[in-house]
Amino acid sequence: MREAAARLLIDRGPDAVTHRQVAAAAGLPQGSASYYFPNREGLFLAAVEEAERIRVAGAHAYADALRRRARTPATTARLLVEALYAPHLEPDVVTLRLAPMLEATRTPGTAAVMSTSWPQLLAALRTVLDASGYPEIADDDVVQLRLLADAALLYATTAGSADAIKYAVERVARLLTQLA
């Protein structure tokens, strides 16, 4: 059920994480989710925990699979954004992924989950940078790259950009060029 809840959260957003939809996605009787998770807060916390576990594992698998070779700032920036939003990056990344993650950082139970995944995601970004020929980037600058990716996606979406991912990649590439 935890994985079904996480997949609903990743693929359809927080509104999809209901007892009824989680039970259906898990192939279980309707009351099953309510039995194991008596309230929505517990169900949502389980979904966030599992979604972040999937995200971190996906980021590391993505980063670890990269062949070591020199890459342009633009290519590396795209890889960084893709790793950050593993297991998949879609055009609706802000509404389905980033906004719910930001909301989760403001909720006491889920905030702890989000803060635990932060250093793990930074480690995956470090792996992408190292594999792309940027081992000299300082750890504080990896944090800046991650924050910029999130902020650029959010800004581009709220500003009505036709391609928020492209906008974020361009901004991350520009900072990466300055840092290299």
N, C-alpha and C. Protein backbone atom coordinates (compact mmCIF):
# COMPACT_ATOMS: atom_id res chain seq x y z
N MET A 1 0.81 -1.19 0.00
CA MET A 1 0.00 0.00 0.00
C MET A 1 0.86 1.26 0.00
N ARG A 2 1.98 1.20 0.70
CA ARG A 2 2.86 2.37 0.73
C ARG A 2 3.35 2.71 -0.67
N GLU A 3 3.73 1.68 -1.42
CA GLU A 3 4.21 1.94 -2.78
C GLU A 3 3.09 2.45 -3.67
N ALA A 4 1.91 1.91 -3.53
CA ALA A 4 0.77 2.39 -4.31
C ALA A 4 0.48 3.85 -3.98
N ALA A 5 0.53 4.21 -2.70
CA ALA A 5 0.31 5.60 -2.29
C ALA A 5 1.40 6.50 -2.86
N ALA A 6 2.64 6.03 -2.83
CA ALA A 6 3.75 6.83 -3.36
C ALA A 6 3.60 7.03 -4.85
N ARG A 7 3.25 5.99 -5.57
CA ARG A 7 3.08 6.10 -7.02
C ARG A 7 1.96 7.07 -7.38
N LEU A 8 0.88 7.04 -6.62
CA LEU A 8 -0.19 8.01 -6.84
C LEU A 8 0.32 9.43 -6.59
N LEU A 9 1.08 9.61 -5.53
CA LEU A 9 1.63 10.92 -5.21
C LEU A 9 2.57 11.40 -6.31
N ILE A 10 3.46 10.54 -6.77
CA ILE A 10 4.44 10.89 -7.81
C ILE A 10 3.75 11.19 -9.14
N ASP A 11 2.81 10.33 -9.51
CA ASP A 11 2.22 10.42 -10.85
C ASP A 11 1.02 11.35 -10.95
N ARG A 12 0.29 11.52 -9.85
CA ARG A 12 -0.95 12.30 -9.95
C ARG A 12 -1.07 13.42 -8.93
N GLY A 13 -0.12 13.50 -8.00
CA GLY A 13 -0.14 14.59 -7.03
C GLY A 13 -0.84 14.21 -5.74
N PRO A 14 -0.77 15.12 -4.75
CA PRO A 14 -1.29 14.83 -3.41
C PRO A 14 -2.79 14.55 -3.34
N ASP A 15 -3.57 15.16 -4.22
CA ASP A 15 -5.02 14.94 -4.16
C ASP A 15 -5.41 13.50 -4.48
N ALA A 16 -4.52 12.78 -5.16
CA ALA A 16 -4.81 11.39 -5.52
C ALA A 16 -4.59 10.42 -4.36
N VAL A 17 -3.94 10.89 -3.31
CA VAL A 17 -3.64 10.02 -2.17
C VAL A 17 -4.83 10.01 -1.21
N THR A 18 -5.80 9.17 -1.57
CA THR A 18 -6.98 8.97 -0.71
C THR A 18 -7.03 7.49 -0.35
N HIS A 19 -7.73 7.18 0.71
CA HIS A 19 -7.85 5.78 1.12
C HIS A 19 -8.41 4.93 -0.02
N ARG A 20 -9.43 5.42 -0.65
CA ARG A 20 -10.10 4.68 -1.72
C ARG A 20 -9.14 4.44 -2.89
N GLN A 21 -8.45 5.49 -3.35
CA GLN A 21 -7.58 5.36 -4.52
C GLN A 21 -6.34 4.52 -4.21
N VAL A 22 -5.83 4.62 -2.99
CA VAL A 22 -4.66 3.82 -2.62
C VAL A 22 -5.03 2.34 -2.58
N ALA A 23 -6.15 2.02 -1.98
CA ALA A 23 -6.59 0.62 -1.94
C ALA A 23 -6.79 0.09 -3.35
N ALA A 24 -7.42 0.87 -4.22
CA ALA A 24 -7.64 0.44 -5.60
C ALA A 24 -6.31 0.24 -6.33
N ALA A 25 -5.39 1.17 -6.15
CA ALA A 25 -4.08 1.07 -6.82
C ALA A 25 -3.28 -0.13 -6.31
N ALA A 26 -3.49 -0.49 -5.06
CA ALA A 26 -2.78 -1.64 -4.48
C ALA A 26 -3.49 -2.95 -4.78
N GLY A 27 -4.69 -2.87 -5.38
CA GLY A 27 -5.44 -4.08 -5.69
C GLY A 27 -6.04 -4.73 -4.47
N LEU A 28 -6.39 -3.90 -3.48
CA LEU A 28 -6.94 -4.42 -2.22
C LEU A 28 -8.37 -3.92 -2.02
N PRO A 29 -9.12 -4.56 -1.14
CA PRO A 29 -10.47 -4.08 -0.86
C PRO A 29 -10.44 -2.64 -0.33
N GLN A 30 -11.52 -1.93 -0.58
CA GLN A 30 -11.60 -0.51 -0.26
C GLN A 30 -11.25 -0.17 1.19
N GLY A 31 -11.65 -0.95 2.14
CA GLY A 31 -11.38 -0.65 3.54
C GLY A 31 -9.96 -0.92 4.01
N SER A 32 -9.16 -1.55 3.19
CA SER A 32 -7.81 -1.94 3.60
C SER A 32 -6.94 -0.74 3.97
N ALA A 33 -6.98 0.30 3.18
CA ALA A 33 -6.14 1.47 3.46
C ALA A 33 -6.56 2.10 4.78
N SER A 34 -7.84 2.16 5.04
CA SER A 34 -8.32 2.74 6.30
C SER A 34 -7.93 1.90 7.50
N TYR A 35 -7.83 0.60 7.31
CA TYR A 35 -7.44 -0.29 8.39
C TYR A 35 -5.99 -0.01 8.80
N TYR A 36 -5.10 0.08 7.83
CA TYR A 36 -3.68 0.30 8.12
C TYR A 36 -3.34 1.76 8.39
N PHE A 37 -4.10 2.66 7.81
CA PHE A 37 -3.88 4.10 7.99
C PHE A 37 -5.21 4.74 8.37
N PRO A 38 -5.50 4.82 9.66
CA PRO A 38 -6.82 5.28 10.10
C PRO A 38 -7.17 6.72 9.69
N ASN A 39 -6.16 7.55 9.44
CA ASN A 39 -6.47 8.93 9.02
C ASN A 39 -5.65 9.31 7.79
N ARG A 40 -6.06 10.36 7.13
CA ARG A 40 -5.39 10.79 5.90
C ARG A 40 -3.96 11.23 6.18
N GLU A 41 -3.71 11.83 7.33
CA GLU A 41 -2.35 12.29 7.66
C GLU A 41 -1.36 11.12 7.67
N GLY A 42 -1.75 10.02 8.27
CA GLY A 42 -0.89 8.85 8.30
C GLY A 42 -0.68 8.25 6.92
N LEU A 43 -1.74 8.23 6.14
CA LEU A 43 -1.64 7.73 4.77
C LEU A 43 -0.73 8.63 3.94
N PHE A 44 -0.90 9.93 4.07
CA PHE A 44 -0.09 10.87 3.30
C PHE A 44 1.38 10.81 3.73
N LEU A 45 1.63 10.69 5.03
CA LEU A 45 3.00 10.56 5.51
C LEU A 45 3.67 9.31 4.92
N ALA A 46 2.95 8.20 4.90
CA ALA A 46 3.49 6.97 4.31
C ALA A 46 3.78 7.18 2.82
N ALA A 47 2.90 7.90 2.13
CA ALA A 47 3.10 8.17 0.70
C ALA A 47 4.34 9.02 0.48
N VAL A 48 4.52 10.05 1.30
CA VAL A 48 5.69 10.94 1.16
C VAL A 48 6.97 10.17 1.48
N GLU A 49 6.96 9.38 2.55
CA GLU A 49 8.15 8.59 2.90
C GLU A 49 8.57 7.69 1.74
N GLU A 50 7.61 6.98 1.20
CA GLU A 50 7.93 6.05 0.11
C GLU A 50 8.29 6.79 -1.17
N ALA A 51 7.61 7.89 -1.46
CA ALA A 51 7.91 8.68 -2.66
C ALA A 51 9.33 9.24 -2.59
N GLU A 52 9.74 9.71 -1.44
CA GLU A 52 11.10 10.23 -1.30
C GLU A 52 12.13 9.11 -1.37
N ARG A 53 11.79 7.93 -0.85
CA ARG A 53 12.68 6.79 -0.98
C ARG A 53 12.86 6.43 -2.46
N ILE A 54 11.76 6.42 -3.20
CA ILE A 54 11.81 6.14 -4.64
C ILE A 54 12.61 7.23 -5.36
N ARG A 55 12.36 8.47 -4.99
CA ARG A 55 13.05 9.60 -5.64
C ARG A 55 14.56 9.54 -5.40
N VAL A 56 14.95 9.32 -4.17
CA VAL A 56 16.39 9.24 -3.84
C VAL A 56 17.03 8.06 -4.55
N ALA A 57 16.38 6.90 -4.52
CA ALA A 57 16.91 5.72 -5.21
C ALA A 57 17.01 5.97 -6.70
N GLY A 58 15.99 6.62 -7.27
CA GLY A 58 16.01 6.94 -8.69
C GLY A 58 17.11 7.92 -9.04
N ALA A 59 17.33 8.92 -8.19
CA ALA A 59 18.38 9.91 -8.43
C ALA A 59 19.75 9.24 -8.41
N HIS A 60 19.97 8.36 -7.45
CA HIS A 60 21.26 7.67 -7.36
C HIS A 60 21.45 6.69 -8.52
N ALA A 61 20.41 5.96 -8.88
CA ALA A 61 20.52 5.03 -10.01
C ALA A 61 20.81 5.80 -11.30
N TYR A 62 20.13 6.92 -11.47
CA TYR A 62 20.34 7.76 -12.66
C TYR A 62 21.78 8.28 -12.69
N ALA A 63 22.23 8.84 -11.59
CA ALA A 63 23.58 9.41 -11.52
C ALA A 63 24.65 8.33 -11.66
N ASP A 64 24.46 7.20 -11.01
CA ASP A 64 25.45 6.12 -11.06
C ASP A 64 25.57 5.50 -12.45
N ALA A 65 24.53 5.60 -13.24
CA ALA A 65 24.53 5.00 -14.58
C ALA A 65 25.27 5.87 -15.61
N LEU A 66 25.59 7.10 -15.26
CA LEU A 66 26.26 7.99 -16.21
C LEU A 66 27.70 7.55 -16.44
N ARG A 67 28.09 7.54 -17.71
CA ARG A 67 29.49 7.28 -18.02
C ARG A 67 30.29 8.54 -17.72
N ARG A 68 31.49 8.35 -17.22
CA ARG A 68 32.35 9.48 -16.91
C ARG A 68 32.93 10.05 -18.20
N ARG A 69 32.58 11.31 -18.47
CA ARG A 69 33.14 12.02 -19.61
C ARG A 69 32.83 13.50 -19.47
N ALA A 70 33.61 14.31 -20.11
CA ALA A 70 33.39 15.76 -20.06
C ALA A 70 32.08 16.09 -20.78
N ARG A 71 31.28 16.94 -20.15
CA ARG A 71 30.02 17.36 -20.74
C ARG A 71 29.93 18.88 -20.68
N THR A 72 29.16 19.45 -21.56
CA THR A 72 28.95 20.89 -21.57
C THR A 72 28.13 21.28 -20.35
N PRO A 73 28.18 22.55 -19.96
CA PRO A 73 27.33 23.00 -18.86
C PRO A 73 25.84 22.75 -19.13
N ALA A 74 25.41 22.94 -20.37
CA ALA A 74 23.99 22.74 -20.70
C ALA A 74 23.59 21.28 -20.53
N THR A 75 24.41 20.38 -21.02
CA THR A 75 24.11 18.95 -20.88
C THR A 75 24.14 18.53 -19.42
N THR A 76 25.14 19.01 -18.70
CA THR A 76 25.26 18.68 -17.28
C THR A 76 24.08 19.24 -16.50
N ALA A 77 23.66 20.45 -16.83
CA ALA A 77 22.51 21.06 -16.15
C ALA A 77 21.25 20.22 -16.36
N ARG A 78 21.05 19.75 -17.57
CA ARG A 78 19.89 18.90 -17.85
C ARG A 78 19.95 17.62 -17.02
N LEU A 79 21.15 17.03 -16.93
CA LEU A 79 21.32 15.81 -16.14
C LEU A 79 21.05 16.07 -14.66
N LEU A 80 21.48 17.22 -14.17
CA LEU A 80 21.23 17.58 -12.76
C LEU A 80 19.74 17.69 -12.48
N VAL A 81 19.02 18.38 -13.35
CA VAL A 81 17.58 18.55 -13.15
C VAL A 81 16.88 17.21 -13.27
N GLU A 82 17.29 16.39 -14.23
CA GLU A 82 16.67 15.07 -14.37
C GLU A 82 16.93 14.20 -13.14
N ALA A 83 18.15 14.24 -12.63
CA ALA A 83 18.47 13.45 -11.44
C ALA A 83 17.66 13.93 -10.23
N LEU A 84 17.52 15.23 -10.11
CA LEU A 84 16.80 15.80 -8.97
C LEU A 84 15.34 15.39 -8.95
N TYR A 85 14.76 15.22 -10.12
CA TYR A 85 13.34 14.86 -10.20
C TYR A 85 13.13 13.42 -10.65
N ALA A 86 14.10 12.56 -10.39
CA ALA A 86 13.95 11.14 -10.70
C ALA A 86 12.76 10.61 -9.92
N PRO A 87 12.07 9.61 -10.37
CA PRO A 87 12.43 8.70 -11.44
C PRO A 87 12.07 9.20 -12.83
N HIS A 88 11.29 10.26 -12.97
CA HIS A 88 11.03 10.80 -14.31
C HIS A 88 10.72 12.28 -14.22
N LEU A 89 11.10 12.99 -15.25
CA LEU A 89 10.89 14.43 -15.33
C LEU A 89 9.88 14.70 -16.43
N GLU A 90 8.77 15.28 -16.06
CA GLU A 90 7.69 15.57 -17.00
C GLU A 90 7.41 17.06 -17.01
N PRO A 91 6.77 17.57 -18.05
CA PRO A 91 6.48 19.02 -18.12
C PRO A 91 5.66 19.55 -16.95
N ASP A 92 4.85 18.71 -16.33
CA ASP A 92 4.04 19.16 -15.19
C ASP A 92 4.76 18.95 -13.85
N VAL A 93 6.09 18.98 -13.89
CA VAL A 93 6.91 18.71 -12.71
C VAL A 93 6.58 19.64 -11.55
N VAL A 94 6.26 20.89 -11.82
CA VAL A 94 6.00 21.82 -10.73
C VAL A 94 4.68 21.50 -10.05
N THR A 95 3.63 21.31 -10.81
CA THR A 95 2.34 21.06 -10.19
C THR A 95 2.25 19.69 -9.53
N LEU A 96 2.85 18.68 -10.16
CA LEU A 96 2.76 17.34 -9.59
C LEU A 96 3.85 17.02 -8.59
N ARG A 97 5.04 17.60 -8.73
CA ARG A 97 6.17 17.18 -7.90
C ARG A 97 6.70 18.28 -7.00
N LEU A 98 7.09 19.43 -7.58
CA LEU A 98 7.75 20.46 -6.78
C LEU A 98 6.79 21.10 -5.77
N ALA A 99 5.63 21.52 -6.19
CA ALA A 99 4.69 22.16 -5.26
C ALA A 99 4.34 21.24 -4.08
N PRO A 100 4.03 19.95 -4.33
CA PRO A 100 3.76 19.07 -3.20
C PRO A 100 4.98 18.87 -2.29
N MET A 101 6.18 18.85 -2.89
CA MET A 101 7.38 18.70 -2.06
C MET A 101 7.58 19.93 -1.18
N LEU A 102 7.34 21.10 -1.74
CA LEU A 102 7.45 22.32 -0.94
C LEU A 102 6.42 22.33 0.18
N GLU A 103 5.21 21.91 -0.13
CA GLU A 103 4.16 21.82 0.88
C GLU A 103 4.56 20.82 1.97
N ALA A 104 5.17 19.74 1.59
CA ALA A 104 5.58 18.71 2.56
C ALA A 104 6.64 19.25 3.52
N THR A 105 7.43 20.22 3.09
CA THR A 105 8.44 20.78 3.99
C THR A 105 7.82 21.66 5.07
N ARG A 106 6.56 22.05 4.89
CA ARG A 106 5.89 22.91 5.87
C ARG A 106 4.99 22.14 6.83
N THR A 107 4.88 20.84 6.64
CA THR A 107 4.04 20.01 7.49
C THR A 107 4.95 19.23 8.43
N PRO A 108 4.74 19.33 9.75
CA PRO A 108 5.69 18.74 10.69
C PRO A 108 6.08 17.29 10.41
N GLY A 109 5.16 16.39 10.19
CA GLY A 109 5.51 14.99 9.98
C GLY A 109 6.31 14.77 8.70
N THR A 110 5.88 15.40 7.62
CA THR A 110 6.56 15.19 6.35
C THR A 110 7.82 16.03 6.21
N ALA A 111 7.94 17.10 6.98
CA ALA A 111 9.14 17.95 6.91
C ALA A 111 10.39 17.14 7.28
N ALA A 112 10.26 16.28 8.25
CA ALA A 112 11.40 15.45 8.66
C ALA A 112 11.82 14.52 7.53
N VAL A 113 10.85 13.98 6.82
CA VAL A 113 11.14 13.10 5.68
C VAL A 113 11.89 13.89 4.61
N MET A 114 11.41 15.08 4.31
CA MET A 114 12.03 15.91 3.27
C MET A 114 13.45 16.31 3.66
N SER A 115 13.66 16.63 4.93
CA SER A 115 15.01 17.04 5.35
C SER A 115 15.97 15.85 5.33
N THR A 116 15.48 14.66 5.52
CA THR A 116 16.33 13.47 5.45
C THR A 116 16.77 13.19 4.02
N SER A 117 15.89 13.44 3.06
CA SER A 117 16.24 13.15 1.67
C SER A 117 17.16 14.21 1.06
N TRP A 118 17.17 15.41 1.62
CA TRP A 118 17.98 16.52 1.09
C TRP A 118 19.45 16.15 0.88
N PRO A 119 20.19 15.70 1.90
CA PRO A 119 21.60 15.37 1.68
C PRO A 119 21.79 14.18 0.72
N GLN A 120 20.85 13.28 0.70
CA GLN A 120 20.94 12.14 -0.20
C GLN A 120 20.81 12.58 -1.66
N LEU A 121 19.93 13.54 -1.91
CA LEU A 121 19.77 14.08 -3.26
C LEU A 121 21.00 14.89 -3.66
N LEU A 122 21.56 15.63 -2.71
CA LEU A 122 22.79 16.38 -3.00
C LEU A 122 23.93 15.44 -3.38
N ALA A 123 23.99 14.29 -2.74
CA ALA A 123 25.02 13.31 -3.07
C ALA A 123 24.84 12.80 -4.50
N ALA A 124 23.61 12.61 -4.93
CA ALA A 124 23.36 12.18 -6.31
C ALA A 124 23.78 13.28 -7.29
N LEU A 125 23.50 14.53 -6.93
CA LEU A 125 23.92 15.65 -7.80
C LEU A 125 25.44 15.72 -7.87
N ARG A 126 26.10 15.47 -6.77
CA ARG A 126 27.56 15.45 -6.75
C ARG A 126 28.08 14.36 -7.71
N THR A 127 27.44 13.21 -7.72
CA THR A 127 27.83 12.13 -8.62
C THR A 127 27.67 12.56 -10.08
N VAL A 128 26.58 13.25 -10.40
CA VAL A 128 26.37 13.76 -11.76
C VAL A 128 27.49 14.73 -12.13
N LEU A 129 27.80 15.64 -11.23
CA LEU A 129 28.87 16.62 -11.51
C LEU A 129 30.21 15.94 -11.72
N ASP A 130 30.55 15.01 -10.85
CA ASP A 130 31.83 14.29 -10.98
C ASP A 130 31.89 13.52 -12.30
N ALA A 131 30.80 12.85 -12.65
CA ALA A 131 30.77 12.06 -13.89
C ALA A 131 30.81 12.95 -15.13
N SER A 132 30.45 14.21 -14.97
CA SER A 132 30.39 15.13 -16.11
C SER A 132 31.62 16.01 -16.23
N GLY A 133 32.60 15.79 -15.36
CA GLY A 133 33.85 16.55 -15.45
C GLY A 133 33.88 17.81 -14.61
N TYR A 134 33.06 17.88 -13.56
CA TYR A 134 33.03 19.04 -12.67
C TYR A 134 33.32 18.66 -11.22
N PRO A 135 34.42 17.98 -10.94
CA PRO A 135 34.70 17.56 -9.56
C PRO A 135 35.09 18.73 -8.65
N GLU A 136 35.45 19.86 -9.24
CA GLU A 136 35.92 20.99 -8.44
C GLU A 136 34.79 21.84 -7.85
N ILE A 137 33.56 21.55 -8.20
CA ILE A 137 32.43 22.31 -7.68
C ILE A 137 32.32 22.05 -6.17
N ALA A 138 32.33 23.12 -5.39
CA ALA A 138 32.25 23.01 -3.93
C ALA A 138 30.88 22.52 -3.48
N ASP A 139 30.84 21.88 -2.32
CA ASP A 139 29.57 21.37 -1.79
C ASP A 139 28.52 22.47 -1.62
N ASP A 140 28.93 23.65 -1.16
CA ASP A 140 27.98 24.77 -1.02
C ASP A 140 27.40 25.16 -2.38
N ASP A 141 28.21 25.02 -3.43
CA ASP A 141 27.73 25.36 -4.76
C ASP A 141 26.77 24.29 -5.30
N VAL A 142 26.93 23.05 -4.87
CA VAL A 142 25.97 22.01 -5.25
C VAL A 142 24.60 22.36 -4.65
N VAL A 143 24.61 22.87 -3.43
CA VAL A 143 23.36 23.32 -2.80
C VAL A 143 22.75 24.44 -3.63
N GLN A 144 23.56 25.39 -4.07
CA GLN A 144 23.05 26.50 -4.90
C GLN A 144 22.45 25.98 -6.20
N LEU A 145 23.10 25.03 -6.83
CA LEU A 145 22.58 24.46 -8.08
C LEU A 145 21.22 23.81 -7.85
N ARG A 146 21.10 23.09 -6.74
CA ARG A 146 19.83 22.43 -6.43
C ARG A 146 18.74 23.47 -6.16
N LEU A 147 19.05 24.48 -5.35
CA LEU A 147 18.07 25.52 -5.05
C LEU A 147 17.66 26.28 -6.31
N LEU A 148 18.63 26.56 -7.16
CA LEU A 148 18.34 27.27 -8.40
C LEU A 148 17.43 26.44 -9.30
N ALA A 149 17.67 25.15 -9.40
CA ALA A 149 16.81 24.29 -10.22
C ALA A 149 15.36 24.37 -9.74
N ASP A 150 15.16 24.23 -8.44
CA ASP A 150 13.80 24.31 -7.88
C ASP A 150 13.19 25.68 -8.13
N ALA A 151 13.94 26.74 -7.81
CA ALA A 151 13.42 28.10 -7.95
C ALA A 151 13.12 28.44 -9.41
N ALA A 152 13.98 28.03 -10.32
CA ALA A 152 13.76 28.34 -11.73
C ALA A 152 12.53 27.62 -12.27
N LEU A 153 12.34 26.37 -11.87
CA LEU A 153 11.14 25.65 -12.28
C LEU A 153 9.89 26.35 -11.76
N LEU A 154 9.92 26.72 -10.51
CA LEU A 154 8.78 27.39 -9.90
C LEU A 154 8.51 28.73 -10.56
N TYR A 155 9.56 29.53 -10.75
CA TYR A 155 9.40 30.84 -11.37
C TYR A 155 8.87 30.72 -12.80
N ALA A 156 9.46 29.84 -13.58
CA ALA A 156 9.05 29.70 -14.98
C ALA A 156 7.58 29.31 -15.08
N THR A 157 7.14 28.43 -14.20
CA THR A 157 5.75 28.01 -14.22
C THR A 157 4.82 29.15 -13.84
N THR A 158 5.15 29.87 -12.78
CA THR A 158 4.28 30.97 -12.35
C THR A 158 4.32 32.14 -13.33
N ALA A 159 5.42 32.29 -14.08
CA ALA A 159 5.53 33.35 -15.08
C ALA A 159 4.90 32.96 -16.40
N GLY A 160 4.41 31.73 -16.49
CA GLY A 160 3.73 31.29 -17.70
C GLY A 160 4.64 30.81 -18.81
N SER A 161 5.85 30.40 -18.46
CA SER A 161 6.78 29.90 -19.47
C SER A 161 6.20 28.67 -20.16
N ALA A 162 6.44 28.59 -21.46
CA ALA A 162 5.96 27.44 -22.22
C ALA A 162 6.75 26.18 -21.88
N ASP A 163 7.99 26.35 -21.42
CA ASP A 163 8.84 25.19 -21.11
C ASP A 163 9.66 25.48 -19.85
N ALA A 164 9.08 25.18 -18.70
CA ALA A 164 9.73 25.45 -17.42
C ALA A 164 11.01 24.65 -17.27
N ILE A 165 11.05 23.45 -17.80
CA ILE A 165 12.25 22.62 -17.68
C ILE A 165 13.40 23.26 -18.45
N LYS A 166 13.14 23.69 -19.66
CA LYS A 166 14.17 24.36 -20.46
C LYS A 166 14.69 25.60 -19.75
N TYR A 167 13.78 26.38 -19.19
CA TYR A 167 14.15 27.58 -18.46
C TYR A 167 15.07 27.23 -17.29
N ALA A 168 14.70 26.22 -16.51
CA ALA A 168 15.50 25.82 -15.36
C ALA A 168 16.87 25.32 -15.80
N VAL A 169 16.91 24.52 -16.84
CA VAL A 169 18.19 23.99 -17.34
C VAL A 169 19.09 25.14 -17.78
N GLU A 170 18.54 26.12 -18.46
CA GLU A 170 19.35 27.27 -18.90
C GLU A 170 19.94 28.02 -17.71
N ARG A 171 19.14 28.22 -16.66
CA ARG A 171 19.63 28.94 -15.48
C ARG A 171 20.69 28.14 -14.73
N VAL A 172 20.48 26.86 -14.59
CA VAL A 172 21.47 26.00 -13.93
C VAL A 172 22.75 25.95 -14.74
N ALA A 173 22.64 25.88 -16.07
CA ALA A 173 23.83 25.87 -16.93
C ALA A 173 24.63 27.17 -16.79
N ARG A 174 23.93 28.28 -16.70
CA ARG A 174 24.62 29.56 -16.54
C ARG A 174 25.39 29.60 -15.22
N LEU A 175 24.77 29.15 -14.13
CA LEU A 175 25.47 29.13 -12.85
C LEU A 175 26.63 28.13 -12.88
N LEU A 176 26.41 26.99 -13.50
CA LEU A 176 27.47 26.00 -13.61
C LEU A 176 28.67 26.56 -14.37
N THR A 177 28.43 27.32 -15.41
CA THR A 177 29.51 27.97 -16.17
C THR A 177 30.30 28.93 -15.28
N GLN A 178 29.60 29.67 -14.45
CA GLN A 178 30.25 30.61 -13.54
C GLN A 178 31.07 29.88 -12.47
N LEU A 179 30.59 28.75 -12.03
CA LEU A 179 31.25 28.01 -10.96
C LEU A 179 32.47 27.21 -11.45
N ALA A 180 32.45 26.82 -12.71
CA ALA A 180 33.52 25.97 -13.26
C ALA A 180 34.81 26.74 -13.47
